[in-house]
Amino acid sequence: MKQLRTDLTLGRYMELAHDMRKEGYLLFALSVEDEIVSLAGVRKSINFYNKHHLFVYDLVTNPTQRSSGHGERLLDYIHSYAKRTGAEYVALESGIMRSKAHRFYESKMGYEKWCYSFRKKI
């Protein structure tokens, strides 16, 4: 997770993860030979535009293991989990500069780019 969330200290990560778990956050891991190679953090949610959906907050694969099919396998599992739990969609956000990840989501995994996400620090 540190590879994706470089700004978080371990203490802050643990604090946020504790609060997120109360809201239904789940962390899925894919391991190869007892080494975690890919992680995804998700939460079931509901709103007017995605209806019942599973939101992927964090998806990261170890850089030395990328292009080995691990991210695809983990997302396939997440799609199955979402379907089993009644979700209509799986949604995620990806940083603007992550063009390789965008190609993966769209070309390989069948996601559609359909909106922009904005935020403002308060």
PDB file of N, CA and C in Angstrom:
ATOM      1  N   MET A   1       0.826  -1.194   0.000  1.00  0.00           N
ATOM      2  CA  MET A   1       0.000   0.000   0.000  1.00  0.00           C
ATOM      3  C   MET A   1       0.871   1.258   0.000  1.00  0.00           C
ATOM      4  N   LYS A   2       2.038   1.159   0.622  1.00  0.00           N
ATOM      5  CA  LYS A   2       2.955   2.304   0.696  1.00  0.00           C
ATOM      6  C   LYS A   2       3.359   2.782  -0.698  1.00  0.00           C
ATOM      7  N   GLN A   3       3.409   1.862  -1.678  1.00  0.00           N
ATOM      8  CA  GLN A   3       3.764   2.243  -3.043  1.00  0.00           C
ATOM      9  C   GLN A   3       2.718   3.169  -3.653  1.00  0.00           C
ATOM     10  N   LEU A   4       1.474   3.009  -3.248  1.00  0.00           N
ATOM     11  CA  LEU A   4       0.385   3.816  -3.790  1.00  0.00           C
ATOM     12  C   LEU A   4       0.126   5.057  -2.946  1.00  0.00           C
ATOM     13  N   ARG A   5       0.159   4.918  -1.667  1.00  0.00           N
ATOM     14  CA  ARG A   5      -0.152   6.016  -0.736  1.00  0.00           C
ATOM     15  C   ARG A   5       1.129   6.468  -0.037  1.00  0.00           C
ATOM     16  N   THR A   6       2.020   7.060  -0.815  1.00  0.00           N
ATOM     17  CA  THR A   6       3.355   7.419  -0.328  1.00  0.00           C
ATOM     18  C   THR A   6       3.331   8.497   0.753  1.00  0.00           C
ATOM     19  N   ASP A   7       2.249   9.258   0.844  1.00  0.00           N
ATOM     20  CA  ASP A   7       2.175  10.347   1.817  1.00  0.00           C
ATOM     21  C   ASP A   7       1.764   9.883   3.208  1.00  0.00           C
ATOM     22  N   LEU A   8       1.329   8.636   3.352  1.00  0.00           N
ATOM     23  CA  LEU A   8       0.828   8.152   4.638  1.00  0.00           C
ATOM     24  C   LEU A   8       1.924   7.489   5.469  1.00  0.00           C
ATOM     25  N   THR A   9       2.003   7.898   6.719  1.00  0.00           N
ATOM     26  CA  THR A   9       2.859   7.171   7.656  1.00  0.00           C
ATOM     27  C   THR A   9       2.113   5.903   8.063  1.00  0.00           C
ATOM     28  N   LEU A  10       2.808   4.962   8.654  1.00  0.00           N
ATOM     29  CA  LEU A  10       2.161   3.739   9.114  1.00  0.00           C
ATOM     30  C   LEU A  10       1.078   4.061  10.143  1.00  0.00           C
ATOM     31  N   GLY A  11       1.385   4.966  11.058  1.00  0.00           N
ATOM     32  CA  GLY A  11       0.412   5.339  12.085  1.00  0.00           C
ATOM     33  C   GLY A  11      -0.854   5.936  11.495  1.00  0.00           C
ATOM     34  N   ARG A  12      -0.691   6.837  10.545  1.00  0.00           N
ATOM     35  CA  ARG A  12      -1.861   7.469   9.906  1.00  0.00           C
ATOM     36  C   ARG A  12      -2.635   6.449   9.083  1.00  0.00           C
ATOM     37  N   TYR A  13      -1.920   5.570   8.399  1.00  0.00           N
ATOM     38  CA  TYR A  13      -2.581   4.505   7.637  1.00  0.00           C
ATOM     39  C   TYR A  13      -3.431   3.641   8.567  1.00  0.00           C
ATOM     40  N   MET A  14      -2.873   3.222   9.688  1.00  0.00           N
ATOM     41  CA  MET A  14      -3.598   2.363  10.626  1.00  0.00           C
ATOM     42  C   MET A  14      -4.822   3.084  11.194  1.00  0.00           C
ATOM     43  N   GLU A  15      -4.661   4.355  11.495  1.00  0.00           N
ATOM     44  CA  GLU A  15      -5.779   5.153  12.017  1.00  0.00           C
ATOM     45  C   GLU A  15      -6.910   5.241  10.986  1.00  0.00           C
ATOM     46  N   LEU A  16      -6.565   5.567   9.752  1.00  0.00           N
ATOM     47  CA  LEU A  16      -7.578   5.670   8.698  1.00  0.00           C
ATOM     48  C   LEU A  16      -8.202   4.314   8.399  1.00  0.00           C
ATOM     49  N   ALA A  17      -7.377   3.273   8.332  1.00  0.00           N
ATOM     50  CA  ALA A  17      -7.892   1.929   8.038  1.00  0.00           C
ATOM     51  C   ALA A  17      -8.887   1.489   9.110  1.00  0.00           C
ATOM     52  N   HIS A  18      -8.601   1.805  10.358  1.00  0.00           N
ATOM     53  CA  HIS A  18      -9.513   1.466  11.453  1.00  0.00           C
ATOM     54  C   HIS A  18     -10.874   2.127  11.235  1.00  0.00           C
ATOM     55  N   ASP A  19     -10.865   3.414  10.926  1.00  0.00           N
ATOM     56  CA  ASP A  19     -12.117   4.136  10.687  1.00  0.00           C
ATOM     57  C   ASP A  19     -12.818   3.649   9.423  1.00  0.00           C
ATOM     58  N   MET A  20     -12.050   3.348   8.388  1.00  0.00           N
ATOM     59  CA  MET A  20     -12.631   2.884   7.122  1.00  0.00           C
ATOM     60  C   MET A  20     -13.296   1.522   7.290  1.00  0.00           C
ATOM     61  N   ARG A  21     -12.696   0.650   8.076  1.00  0.00           N
ATOM     62  CA  ARG A  21     -13.299  -0.676   8.317  1.00  0.00           C
ATOM     63  C   ARG A  21     -14.681  -0.549   8.945  1.00  0.00           C
ATOM     64  N   LYS A  22     -14.860   0.457   9.802  1.00  0.00           N
ATOM     65  CA  LYS A  22     -16.173   0.702  10.399  1.00  0.00           C
ATOM     66  C   LYS A  22     -17.215   1.032   9.328  1.00  0.00           C
ATOM     67  N   GLU A  23     -16.753   1.577   8.209  1.00  0.00           N
ATOM     68  CA  GLU A  23     -17.632   1.952   7.100  1.00  0.00           C
ATOM     69  C   GLU A  23     -17.730   0.853   6.045  1.00  0.00           C
ATOM     70  N   GLY A  24     -17.144  -0.315   6.318  1.00  0.00           N
ATOM     71  CA  GLY A  24     -17.259  -1.443   5.404  1.00  0.00           C
ATOM     72  C   GLY A  24     -16.084  -1.657   4.467  1.00  0.00           C
ATOM     73  N   TYR A  25     -14.995  -0.940   4.676  1.00  0.00           N
ATOM     74  CA  TYR A  25     -13.809  -1.087   3.827  1.00  0.00           C
ATOM     75  C   TYR A  25     -13.224  -2.488   3.988  1.00  0.00           C
ATOM     76  N   LEU A  26     -12.933  -3.115   2.856  1.00  0.00           N
ATOM     77  CA  LEU A  26     -12.301  -4.436   2.834  1.00  0.00           C
ATOM     78  C   LEU A  26     -11.007  -4.346   2.043  1.00  0.00           C
ATOM     79  N   LEU A  27     -10.018  -5.108   2.433  1.00  0.00           N
ATOM     80  CA  LEU A  27      -8.742  -5.136   1.722  1.00  0.00           C
ATOM     81  C   LEU A  27      -8.523  -6.542   1.197  1.00  0.00           C
ATOM     82  N   PHE A  28      -8.425  -6.667  -0.128  1.00  0.00           N
ATOM     83  CA  PHE A  28      -8.161  -7.949  -0.776  1.00  0.00           C
ATOM     84  C   PHE A  28      -6.703  -7.985  -1.208  1.00  0.00           C
ATOM     85  N   ALA A  29      -6.084  -9.139  -1.075  1.00  0.00           N
ATOM     86  CA  ALA A  29      -4.681  -9.287  -1.460  1.00  0.00           C
ATOM     87  C   ALA A  29      -4.518 -10.515  -2.338  1.00  0.00           C
ATOM     88  N   LEU A  30      -3.626 -10.423  -3.293  1.00  0.00           N
ATOM     89  CA  LEU A  30      -3.244 -11.557  -4.126  1.00  0.00           C
ATOM     90  C   LEU A  30      -1.787 -11.861  -3.810  1.00  0.00           C
ATOM     91  N   SER A  31      -1.512 -13.099  -3.447  1.00  0.00           N
ATOM     92  CA  SER A  31      -0.133 -13.461  -3.121  1.00  0.00           C
ATOM     93  C   SER A  31       0.364 -14.552  -4.060  1.00  0.00           C
ATOM     94  N   VAL A  32       1.651 -14.511  -4.289  1.00  0.00           N
ATOM     95  CA  VAL A  32       2.346 -15.515  -5.087  1.00  0.00           C
ATOM     96  C   VAL A  32       3.519 -15.985  -4.250  1.00  0.00           C
ATOM     97  N   GLU A  33       3.586 -17.280  -4.007  1.00  0.00           N
ATOM     98  CA  GLU A  33       4.652 -17.858  -3.183  1.00  0.00           C
ATOM     99  C   GLU A  33       4.806 -17.099  -1.863  1.00  0.00           C
ATOM    100  N   ASP A  34       3.698 -16.898  -1.170  1.00  0.00           N
ATOM    101  CA  ASP A  34       3.652 -16.239   0.140  1.00  0.00           C
ATOM    102  C   ASP A  34       4.097 -14.778   0.134  1.00  0.00           C
ATOM    103  N   GLU A  35       4.131 -14.146  -1.035  1.00  0.00           N
ATOM    104  CA  GLU A  35       4.450 -12.723  -1.124  1.00  0.00           C
ATOM    105  C   GLU A  35       3.245 -12.003  -1.712  1.00  0.00           C
ATOM    106  N   ILE A  36       2.794 -10.948  -1.035  1.00  0.00           N
ATOM    107  CA  ILE A  36       1.686 -10.153  -1.568  1.00  0.00           C
ATOM    108  C   ILE A  36       2.194  -9.393  -2.781  1.00  0.00           C
ATOM    109  N   VAL A  37       1.533  -9.600  -3.918  1.00  0.00           N
ATOM    110  CA  VAL A  37       1.945  -8.935  -5.154  1.00  0.00           C
ATOM    111  C   VAL A  37       0.943  -7.880  -5.606  1.00  0.00           C
ATOM    112  N   SER A  38      -0.288  -7.962  -5.115  1.00  0.00           N
ATOM    113  CA  SER A  38      -1.306  -7.004  -5.515  1.00  0.00           C
ATOM    114  C   SER A  38      -2.313  -6.827  -4.380  1.00  0.00           C
ATOM    115  N   LEU A  39      -2.756  -5.588  -4.183  1.00  0.00           N
ATOM    116  CA  LEU A  39      -3.728  -5.252  -3.143  1.00  0.00           C
ATOM    117  C   LEU A  39      -4.847  -4.417  -3.738  1.00  0.00           C
ATOM    118  N   ALA A  40      -6.039  -4.571  -3.191  1.00  0.00           N
ATOM    119  CA  ALA A  40      -7.154  -3.704  -3.572  1.00  0.00           C
ATOM    120  C   ALA A  40      -8.025  -3.455  -2.353  1.00  0.00           C
ATOM    121  N   GLY A  41      -8.296  -2.197  -2.079  1.00  0.00           N
ATOM    122  CA  GLY A  41      -9.206  -1.813  -1.012  1.00  0.00           C
ATOM    123  C   GLY A  41     -10.527  -1.391  -1.613  1.00  0.00           C
ATOM    124  N   VAL A  42     -11.631  -1.930  -1.095  1.00  0.00           N
ATOM    125  CA  VAL A  42     -12.952  -1.680  -1.677  1.00  0.00           C
ATOM    126  C   VAL A  42     -13.977  -1.403  -0.576  1.00  0.00           C
ATOM    127  N   ARG A  43     -15.107  -0.837  -0.995  1.00  0.00           N
ATOM    128  CA  ARG A  43     -16.233  -0.651  -0.080  1.00  0.00           C
ATOM    129  C   ARG A  43     -17.518  -0.639  -0.883  1.00  0.00           C
ATOM    130  N   LYS A  44     -18.518  -1.347  -0.371  1.00  0.00           N
ATOM    131  CA  LYS A  44     -19.839  -1.299  -0.985  1.00  0.00           C
ATOM    132  C   LYS A  44     -20.450   0.060  -0.695  1.00  0.00           C
ATOM    133  N   SER A  45     -21.145   0.597  -1.702  1.00  0.00           N
ATOM    134  CA  SER A  45     -21.747   1.907  -1.542  1.00  0.00           C
ATOM    135  C   SER A  45     -23.014   1.987  -2.379  1.00  0.00           C
ATOM    136  N   ILE A  46     -23.747   3.047  -2.199  1.00  0.00           N
ATOM    137  CA  ILE A  46     -24.956   3.280  -2.988  1.00  0.00           C
ATOM    138  C   ILE A  46     -25.100   4.779  -3.220  1.00  0.00           C
ATOM    139  N   ASN A  47     -25.460   5.132  -4.446  1.00  0.00           N
ATOM    140  CA  ASN A  47     -25.777   6.517  -4.777  1.00  0.00           C
ATOM    141  C   ASN A  47     -26.683   6.513  -6.008  1.00  0.00           C
ATOM    142  N   PHE A  48     -27.091   7.678  -6.467  1.00  0.00           N
ATOM    143  CA  PHE A  48     -28.045   7.748  -7.572  1.00  0.00           C
ATOM    144  C   PHE A  48     -27.443   7.396  -8.925  1.00  0.00           C
ATOM    145  N   TYR A  49     -26.161   7.660  -9.132  1.00  0.00           N
ATOM    146  CA  TYR A  49     -25.581   7.430 -10.454  1.00  0.00           C
ATOM    147  C   TYR A  49     -24.936   6.061 -10.610  1.00  0.00           C
ATOM    148  N   ASN A  50     -24.394   5.469  -9.565  1.00  0.00           N
ATOM    149  CA  ASN A  50     -23.825   4.120  -9.653  1.00  0.00           C
ATOM    150  C   ASN A  50     -24.706   3.071  -8.986  1.00  0.00           C
ATOM    151  N   LYS A  51     -25.837   3.495  -8.443  1.00  0.00           N
ATOM    152  CA  LYS A  51     -26.759   2.601  -7.736  1.00  0.00           C
ATOM    153  C   LYS A  51     -25.989   1.813  -6.665  1.00  0.00           C
ATOM    154  N   HIS A  52     -26.308   0.549  -6.502  1.00  0.00           N
ATOM    155  CA  HIS A  52     -25.526  -0.308  -5.596  1.00  0.00           C
ATOM    156  C   HIS A  52     -24.226  -0.647  -6.319  1.00  0.00           C
ATOM    157  N   HIS A  53     -23.107  -0.307  -5.721  1.00  0.00           N
ATOM    158  CA  HIS A  53     -21.833  -0.542  -6.401  1.00  0.00           C
ATOM    159  C   HIS A  53     -20.726  -0.851  -5.396  1.00  0.00           C
ATOM    160  N   LEU A  54     -19.640  -1.334  -5.935  1.00  0.00           N
ATOM    161  CA  LEU A  54     -18.431  -1.565  -5.160  1.00  0.00           C
ATOM    162  C   LEU A  54     -17.416  -0.541  -5.645  1.00  0.00           C
ATOM    163  N   PHE A  55     -16.892   0.255  -4.735  1.00  0.00           N
ATOM    164  CA  PHE A  55     -15.914   1.263  -5.115  1.00  0.00           C
ATOM    165  C   PHE A  55     -14.526   0.772  -4.748  1.00  0.00           C
ATOM    166  N   VAL A  56     -13.620   0.826  -5.709  1.00  0.00           N
ATOM    167  CA  VAL A  56     -12.226   0.433  -5.499  1.00  0.00           C
ATOM    168  C   VAL A  56     -11.449   1.696  -5.138  1.00  0.00           C
ATOM    169  N   TYR A  57     -11.039   1.780  -3.892  1.00  0.00           N
ATOM    170  CA  TYR A  57     -10.291   2.946  -3.432  1.00  0.00           C
ATOM    171  C   TYR A  57      -8.801   2.800  -3.697  1.00  0.00           C
ATOM    172  N   ASP A  58      -8.303   1.638  -3.603  1.00  0.00           N
ATOM    173  CA  ASP A  58      -6.863   1.412  -3.712  1.00  0.00           C
ATOM    174  C   ASP A  58      -6.645   0.145  -4.521  1.00  0.00           C
ATOM    175  N   LEU A  59      -5.863   0.243  -5.569  1.00  0.00           N
ATOM    176  CA  LEU A  59      -5.451  -0.940  -6.327  1.00  0.00           C
ATOM    177  C   LEU A  59      -3.997  -0.733  -6.695  1.00  0.00           C
ATOM    178  N   VAL A  60      -3.164  -1.633  -6.246  1.00  0.00           N
ATOM    179  CA  VAL A  60      -1.736  -1.498  -6.526  1.00  0.00           C
ATOM    180  C   VAL A  60      -1.126  -2.879  -6.702  1.00  0.00           C
ATOM    181  N   THR A  61      -0.213  -2.960  -7.649  1.00  0.00           N
ATOM    182  CA  THR A  61       0.565  -4.177  -7.872  1.00  0.00           C
ATOM    183  C   THR A  61       2.035  -3.819  -7.707  1.00  0.00           C
ATOM    184  N   ASN A  62       2.785  -4.681  -7.053  1.00  0.00           N
ATOM    185  CA  ASN A  62       4.214  -4.477  -6.873  1.00  0.00           C
ATOM    186  C   ASN A  62       4.841  -4.182  -8.239  1.00  0.00           C
ATOM    187  N   PRO A  63       5.628  -3.110  -8.354  1.00  0.00           N
ATOM    188  CA  PRO A  63       6.213  -2.748  -9.652  1.00  0.00           C
ATOM    189  C   PRO A  63       6.975  -3.882 -10.338  1.00  0.00           C
ATOM    190  N   THR A  64       7.630  -4.738  -9.570  1.00  0.00           N
ATOM    191  CA  THR A  64       8.375  -5.845 -10.181  1.00  0.00           C
ATOM    192  C   THR A  64       7.455  -6.948 -10.689  1.00  0.00           C
ATOM    193  N   GLN A  65       6.176  -6.893 -10.319  1.00  0.00           N
ATOM    194  CA  GLN A  65       5.215  -7.924 -10.712  1.00  0.00           C
ATOM    195  C   GLN A  65       4.185  -7.422 -11.728  1.00  0.00           C
ATOM    196  N   ARG A  66       4.298  -6.182 -12.158  1.00  0.00           N
ATOM    197  CA  ARG A  66       3.326  -5.629 -13.109  1.00  0.00           C
ATOM    198  C   ARG A  66       3.448  -6.320 -14.455  1.00  0.00           C
ATOM    199  N   SER A  67       2.363  -6.308 -15.205  1.00  0.00           N
ATOM    200  CA  SER A  67       2.255  -6.959 -16.523  1.00  0.00           C
ATOM    201  C   SER A  67       2.375  -8.472 -16.412  1.00  0.00           C
ATOM    202  N   SER A  68       2.074  -9.005 -15.247  1.00  0.00           N
ATOM    203  CA  SER A  68       2.091 -10.456 -15.038  1.00  0.00           C
ATOM    204  C   SER A  68       0.687 -11.015 -14.858  1.00  0.00           C
ATOM    205  N   GLY A  69      -0.328 -10.169 -15.006  1.00  0.00           N
ATOM    206  CA  GLY A  69      -1.712 -10.618 -14.886  1.00  0.00           C
ATOM    207  C   GLY A  69      -2.285 -10.553 -13.486  1.00  0.00           C
ATOM    208  N   HIS A  70      -1.501 -10.078 -12.510  1.00  0.00           N
ATOM    209  CA  HIS A  70      -1.973 -10.067 -11.126  1.00  0.00           C
ATOM    210  C   HIS A  70      -3.098  -9.057 -10.901  1.00  0.00           C
ATOM    211  N   GLY A  71      -2.944  -7.861 -11.442  1.00  0.00           N
ATOM    212  CA  GLY A  71      -3.998  -6.857 -11.306  1.00  0.00           C
ATOM    213  C   GLY A  71      -5.286  -7.318 -11.961  1.00  0.00           C
ATOM    214  N   GLU A  72      -5.159  -7.946 -13.110  1.00  0.00           N
ATOM    215  CA  GLU A  72      -6.330  -8.480 -13.812  1.00  0.00           C
ATOM    216  C   GLU A  72      -7.014  -9.558 -12.974  1.00  0.00           C
ATOM    217  N   ARG A  73      -6.238 -10.457 -12.404  1.00  0.00           N
ATOM    218  CA  ARG A  73      -6.818 -11.525 -11.576  1.00  0.00           C
ATOM    219  C   ARG A  73      -7.525 -10.953 -10.350  1.00  0.00           C
ATOM    220  N   LEU A  74      -6.901  -9.965  -9.719  1.00  0.00           N
ATOM    221  CA  LEU A  74      -7.507  -9.376  -8.535  1.00  0.00           C
ATOM    222  C   LEU A  74      -8.793  -8.629  -8.895  1.00  0.00           C
ATOM    223  N   LEU A  75      -8.771  -7.873  -9.983  1.00  0.00           N
ATOM    224  CA  LEU A  75      -9.989  -7.174 -10.402  1.00  0.00           C
ATOM    225  C   LEU A  75     -11.077  -8.155 -10.826  1.00  0.00           C
ATOM    226  N   ASP A  76     -10.706  -9.246 -11.480  1.00  0.00           N
ATOM    227  CA  ASP A  76     -11.700 -10.274 -11.823  1.00  0.00           C
ATOM    228  C   ASP A  76     -12.369 -10.802 -10.557  1.00  0.00           C
ATOM    229  N   TYR A  77     -11.577 -11.030  -9.521  1.00  0.00           N
ATOM    230  CA  TYR A  77     -12.143 -11.488  -8.252  1.00  0.00           C
ATOM    231  C   TYR A  77     -13.080 -10.427  -7.668  1.00  0.00           C
ATOM    232  N   ILE A  78     -12.657  -9.175  -7.722  1.00  0.00           N
ATOM    233  CA  ILE A  78     -13.481  -8.078  -7.209  1.00  0.00           C
ATOM    234  C   ILE A  78     -14.795  -7.996  -7.974  1.00  0.00           C
ATOM    235  N   HIS A  79     -14.743  -8.174  -9.294  1.00  0.00           N
ATOM    236  CA  HIS A  79     -15.974  -8.167 -10.096  1.00  0.00           C
ATOM    237  C   HIS A  79     -16.907  -9.286  -9.648  1.00  0.00           C
ATOM    238  N   SER A  80     -16.363 -10.467  -9.427  1.00  0.00           N
ATOM    239  CA  SER A  80     -17.174 -11.601  -8.960  1.00  0.00           C
ATOM    240  C   SER A  80     -17.759 -11.316  -7.584  1.00  0.00           C
ATOM    241  N   TYR A  81     -16.945 -10.777  -6.693  1.00  0.00           N
ATOM    242  CA  TYR A  81     -17.414 -10.429  -5.354  1.00  0.00           C
ATOM    243  C   TYR A  81     -18.544  -9.400  -5.441  1.00  0.00           C
ATOM    244  N   ALA A  82     -18.359  -8.398  -6.280  1.00  0.00           N
ATOM    245  CA  ALA A  82     -19.378  -7.357  -6.437  1.00  0.00           C
ATOM    246  C   ALA A  82     -20.700  -7.956  -6.912  1.00  0.00           C
ATOM    247  N   LYS A  83     -20.617  -8.828  -7.885  1.00  0.00           N
ATOM    248  CA  LYS A  83     -21.823  -9.461  -8.413  1.00  0.00           C
ATOM    249  C   LYS A  83     -22.507 -10.305  -7.337  1.00  0.00           C
ATOM    250  N   ARG A  84     -21.723 -11.085  -6.602  1.00  0.00           N
ATOM    251  CA  ARG A  84     -22.282 -11.931  -5.532  1.00  0.00           C
ATOM    252  C   ARG A  84     -22.956 -11.114  -4.436  1.00  0.00           C
ATOM    253  N   THR A  85     -22.485  -9.901  -4.228  1.00  0.00           N
ATOM    254  CA  THR A  85     -23.029  -9.078  -3.148  1.00  0.00           C
ATOM    255  C   THR A  85     -24.067  -8.069  -3.641  1.00  0.00           C
ATOM    256  N   GLY A  86     -24.511  -8.211  -4.889  1.00  0.00           N
ATOM    257  CA  GLY A  86     -25.618  -7.403  -5.395  1.00  0.00           C
ATOM    258  C   GLY A  86     -25.263  -6.068  -6.005  1.00  0.00           C
ATOM    259  N   ALA A  87     -24.002  -5.837  -6.298  1.00  0.00           N
ATOM    260  CA  ALA A  87     -23.602  -4.568  -6.910  1.00  0.00           C
ATOM    261  C   ALA A  87     -23.948  -4.553  -8.397  1.00  0.00           C
ATOM    262  N   GLU A  88     -24.324  -3.380  -8.888  1.00  0.00           N
ATOM    263  CA  GLU A  88     -24.579  -3.203 -10.314  1.00  0.00           C
ATOM    264  C   GLU A  88     -23.325  -2.751 -11.060  1.00  0.00           C
ATOM    265  N   TYR A  89     -22.423  -2.102 -10.352  1.00  0.00           N
ATOM    266  CA  TYR A  89     -21.207  -1.565 -10.957  1.00  0.00           C
ATOM    267  C   TYR A  89     -20.018  -1.783 -10.027  1.00  0.00           C
ATOM    268  N   VAL A  90     -18.841  -1.744 -10.630  1.00  0.00           N
ATOM    269  CA  VAL A  90     -17.597  -1.551  -9.893  1.00  0.00           C
ATOM    270  C   VAL A  90     -17.053  -0.229 -10.407  1.00  0.00           C
ATOM    271  N   ALA A  91     -16.745   0.679  -9.508  1.00  0.00           N
ATOM    272  CA  ALA A  91     -16.261   2.005  -9.882  1.00  0.00           C
ATOM    273  C   ALA A  91     -14.910   2.249  -9.231  1.00  0.00           C
ATOM    274  N   LEU A  92     -14.110   3.094  -9.861  1.00  0.00           N
ATOM    275  CA  LEU A  92     -12.813   3.464  -9.300  1.00  0.00           C
ATOM    276  C   LEU A  92     -12.390   4.807  -9.844  1.00  0.00           C
ATOM    277  N   GLU A  93     -11.408   5.381  -9.216  1.00  0.00           N
ATOM    278  CA  GLU A  93     -10.772   6.604  -9.690  1.00  0.00           C
ATOM    279  C   GLU A  93      -9.296   6.309  -9.881  1.00  0.00           C
ATOM    280  N   SER A  94      -8.684   7.034 -10.805  1.00  0.00           N
ATOM    281  CA  SER A  94      -7.264   6.842 -11.073  1.00  0.00           C
ATOM    282  C   SER A  94      -6.640   8.207 -11.326  1.00  0.00           C
ATOM    283  N   GLY A  95      -5.465   8.426 -10.773  1.00  0.00           N
ATOM    284  CA  GLY A  95      -4.790   9.708 -10.938  1.00  0.00           C
ATOM    285  C   GLY A  95      -4.644  10.106 -12.402  1.00  0.00           C
ATOM    286  N   ILE A  96      -4.775  11.385 -12.687  1.00  0.00           N
ATOM    287  CA  ILE A  96      -4.739  11.910 -14.052  1.00  0.00           C
ATOM    288  C   ILE A  96      -3.484  11.464 -14.795  1.00  0.00           C
ATOM    289  N   MET A  97      -2.351  11.421 -14.114  1.00  0.00           N
ATOM    290  CA  MET A  97      -1.070  11.118 -14.759  1.00  0.00           C
ATOM    291  C   MET A  97      -0.842   9.625 -14.995  1.00  0.00           C
ATOM    292  N   ARG A  98      -1.740   8.758 -14.555  1.00  0.00           N
ATOM    293  CA  ARG A  98      -1.514   7.306 -14.626  1.00  0.00           C
ATOM    294  C   ARG A  98      -2.061   6.720 -15.933  1.00  0.00           C
ATOM    295  N   SER A  99      -1.534   7.162 -17.053  1.00  0.00           N
ATOM    296  CA  SER A  99      -2.062   6.765 -18.362  1.00  0.00           C
ATOM    297  C   SER A  99      -1.960   5.258 -18.618  1.00  0.00           C
ATOM    298  N   LYS A 100      -0.925   4.605 -18.126  1.00  0.00           N
ATOM    299  CA  LYS A 100      -0.825   3.147 -18.301  1.00  0.00           C
ATOM    300  C   LYS A 100      -1.951   2.439 -17.560  1.00  0.00           C
ATOM    301  N   ALA A 101      -2.245   2.905 -16.356  1.00  0.00           N
ATOM    302  CA  ALA A 101      -3.350   2.318 -15.588  1.00  0.00           C
ATOM    303  C   ALA A 101      -4.671   2.554 -16.307  1.00  0.00           C
ATOM    304  N   HIS A 102      -4.844   3.740 -16.890  1.00  0.00           N
ATOM    305  CA  HIS A 102      -6.083   4.042 -17.615  1.00  0.00           C
ATOM    306  C   HIS A 102      -6.268   3.090 -18.796  1.00  0.00           C
ATOM    307  N   ARG A 103      -5.198   2.853 -19.532  1.00  0.00           N
ATOM    308  CA  ARG A 103      -5.281   1.898 -20.661  1.00  0.00           C
ATOM    309  C   ARG A 103      -5.647   0.511 -20.158  1.00  0.00           C
ATOM    310  N   PHE A 104      -5.068   0.099 -19.036  1.00  0.00           N
ATOM    311  CA  PHE A 104      -5.374  -1.201 -18.446  1.00  0.00           C
ATOM    312  C   PHE A 104      -6.861  -1.290 -18.103  1.00  0.00           C
ATOM    313  N   TYR A 105      -7.380  -0.288 -17.400  1.00  0.00           N
ATOM    314  CA  TYR A 105      -8.789  -0.321 -17.000  1.00  0.00           C
ATOM    315  C   TYR A 105      -9.721  -0.335 -18.210  1.00  0.00           C
ATOM    316  N   GLU A 106      -9.419   0.491 -19.202  1.00  0.00           N
ATOM    317  CA  GLU A 106     -10.310   0.596 -20.359  1.00  0.00           C
ATOM    318  C   GLU A 106     -10.127  -0.560 -21.342  1.00  0.00           C
ATOM    319  N   SER A 107      -8.911  -0.802 -21.772  1.00  0.00           N
ATOM    320  CA  SER A 107      -8.664  -1.793 -22.828  1.00  0.00           C
ATOM    321  C   SER A 107      -8.716  -3.226 -22.325  1.00  0.00           C
ATOM    322  N   LYS A 108      -8.114  -3.469 -21.189  1.00  0.00           N
ATOM    323  CA  LYS A 108      -8.001  -4.837 -20.684  1.00  0.00           C
ATOM    324  C   LYS A 108      -9.199  -5.252 -19.836  1.00  0.00           C
ATOM    325  N   MET A 109      -9.706  -4.323 -19.023  1.00  0.00           N
ATOM    326  CA  MET A 109     -10.727  -4.685 -18.040  1.00  0.00           C
ATOM    327  C   MET A 109     -12.139  -4.217 -18.400  1.00  0.00           C
ATOM    328  N   GLY A 110     -12.284  -3.444 -19.483  1.00  0.00           N
ATOM    329  CA  GLY A 110     -13.616  -3.060 -19.952  1.00  0.00           C
ATOM    330  C   GLY A 110     -14.289  -1.914 -19.211  1.00  0.00           C
ATOM    331  N   TYR A 111     -13.525  -1.119 -18.479  1.00  0.00           N
ATOM    332  CA  TYR A 111     -14.099   0.043 -17.797  1.00  0.00           C
ATOM    333  C   TYR A 111     -14.312   1.164 -18.801  1.00  0.00           C
ATOM    334  N   GLU A 112     -15.288   2.023 -18.524  1.00  0.00           N
ATOM    335  CA  GLU A 112     -15.507   3.195 -19.360  1.00  0.00           C
ATOM    336  C   GLU A 112     -15.128   4.451 -18.586  1.00  0.00           C
ATOM    337  N   LYS A 113     -14.499   5.377 -19.276  1.00  0.00           N
ATOM    338  CA  LYS A 113     -14.176   6.670 -18.683  1.00  0.00           C
ATOM    339  C   LYS A 113     -15.423   7.527 -18.858  1.00  0.00           C
ATOM    340  N   TRP A 114     -16.026   7.946 -17.745  1.00  0.00           N
ATOM    341  CA  TRP A 114     -17.307   8.623 -17.896  1.00  0.00           C
ATOM    342  C   TRP A 114     -17.469   9.896 -17.077  1.00  0.00           C
ATOM    343  N   CYS A 115     -16.512  10.235 -16.244  1.00  0.00           N
ATOM    344  CA  CYS A 115     -16.637  11.494 -15.506  1.00  0.00           C
ATOM    345  C   CYS A 115     -15.265  11.939 -15.007  1.00  0.00           C
ATOM    346  N   TYR A 116     -15.215  13.156 -14.529  1.00  0.00           N
ATOM    347  CA  TYR A 116     -14.045  13.672 -13.833  1.00  0.00           C
ATOM    348  C   TYR A 116     -14.378  13.734 -12.350  1.00  0.00           C
ATOM    349  N   SER A 117     -13.384  13.601 -11.524  1.00  0.00           N
ATOM    350  CA  SER A 117     -13.568  13.692 -10.081  1.00  0.00           C
ATOM    351  C   SER A 117     -12.788  14.915  -9.602  1.00  0.00           C
ATOM    352  N   PHE A 118     -13.394  15.706  -8.756  1.00  0.00           N
ATOM    353  CA  PHE A 118     -12.759  16.916  -8.247  1.00  0.00           C
ATOM    354  C   PHE A 118     -12.747  16.887  -6.724  1.00  0.00           C
ATOM    355  N   ARG A 119     -11.790  17.608  -6.150  1.00  0.00           N
ATOM    356  CA  ARG A 119     -11.764  17.762  -4.704  1.00  0.00           C
ATOM    357  C   ARG A 119     -11.147  19.113  -4.368  1.00  0.00           C
ATOM    358  N   LYS A 120     -11.408  19.571  -3.159  1.00  0.00           N
ATOM    359  CA  LYS A 120     -10.855  20.828  -2.667  1.00  0.00           C
ATOM    360  C   LYS A 120     -10.455  20.635  -1.217  1.00  0.00           C
ATOM    361  N   LYS A 121      -9.225  20.994  -0.894  1.00  0.00           N
ATOM    362  CA  LYS A 121      -8.751  20.891   0.492  1.00  0.00           C
ATOM    363  C   LYS A 121      -9.417  21.985   1.318  1.00  0.00           C
ATOM    364  N   ILE A 122      -9.948  21.592   2.446  1.00  0.00           N
ATOM    365  CA  ILE A 122     -10.657  22.534   3.327  1.00  0.00           C
ATOM    366  C   ILE A 122      -9.831  22.768   4.589  1.00  0.00           C
TER     367      ILE A 122
END
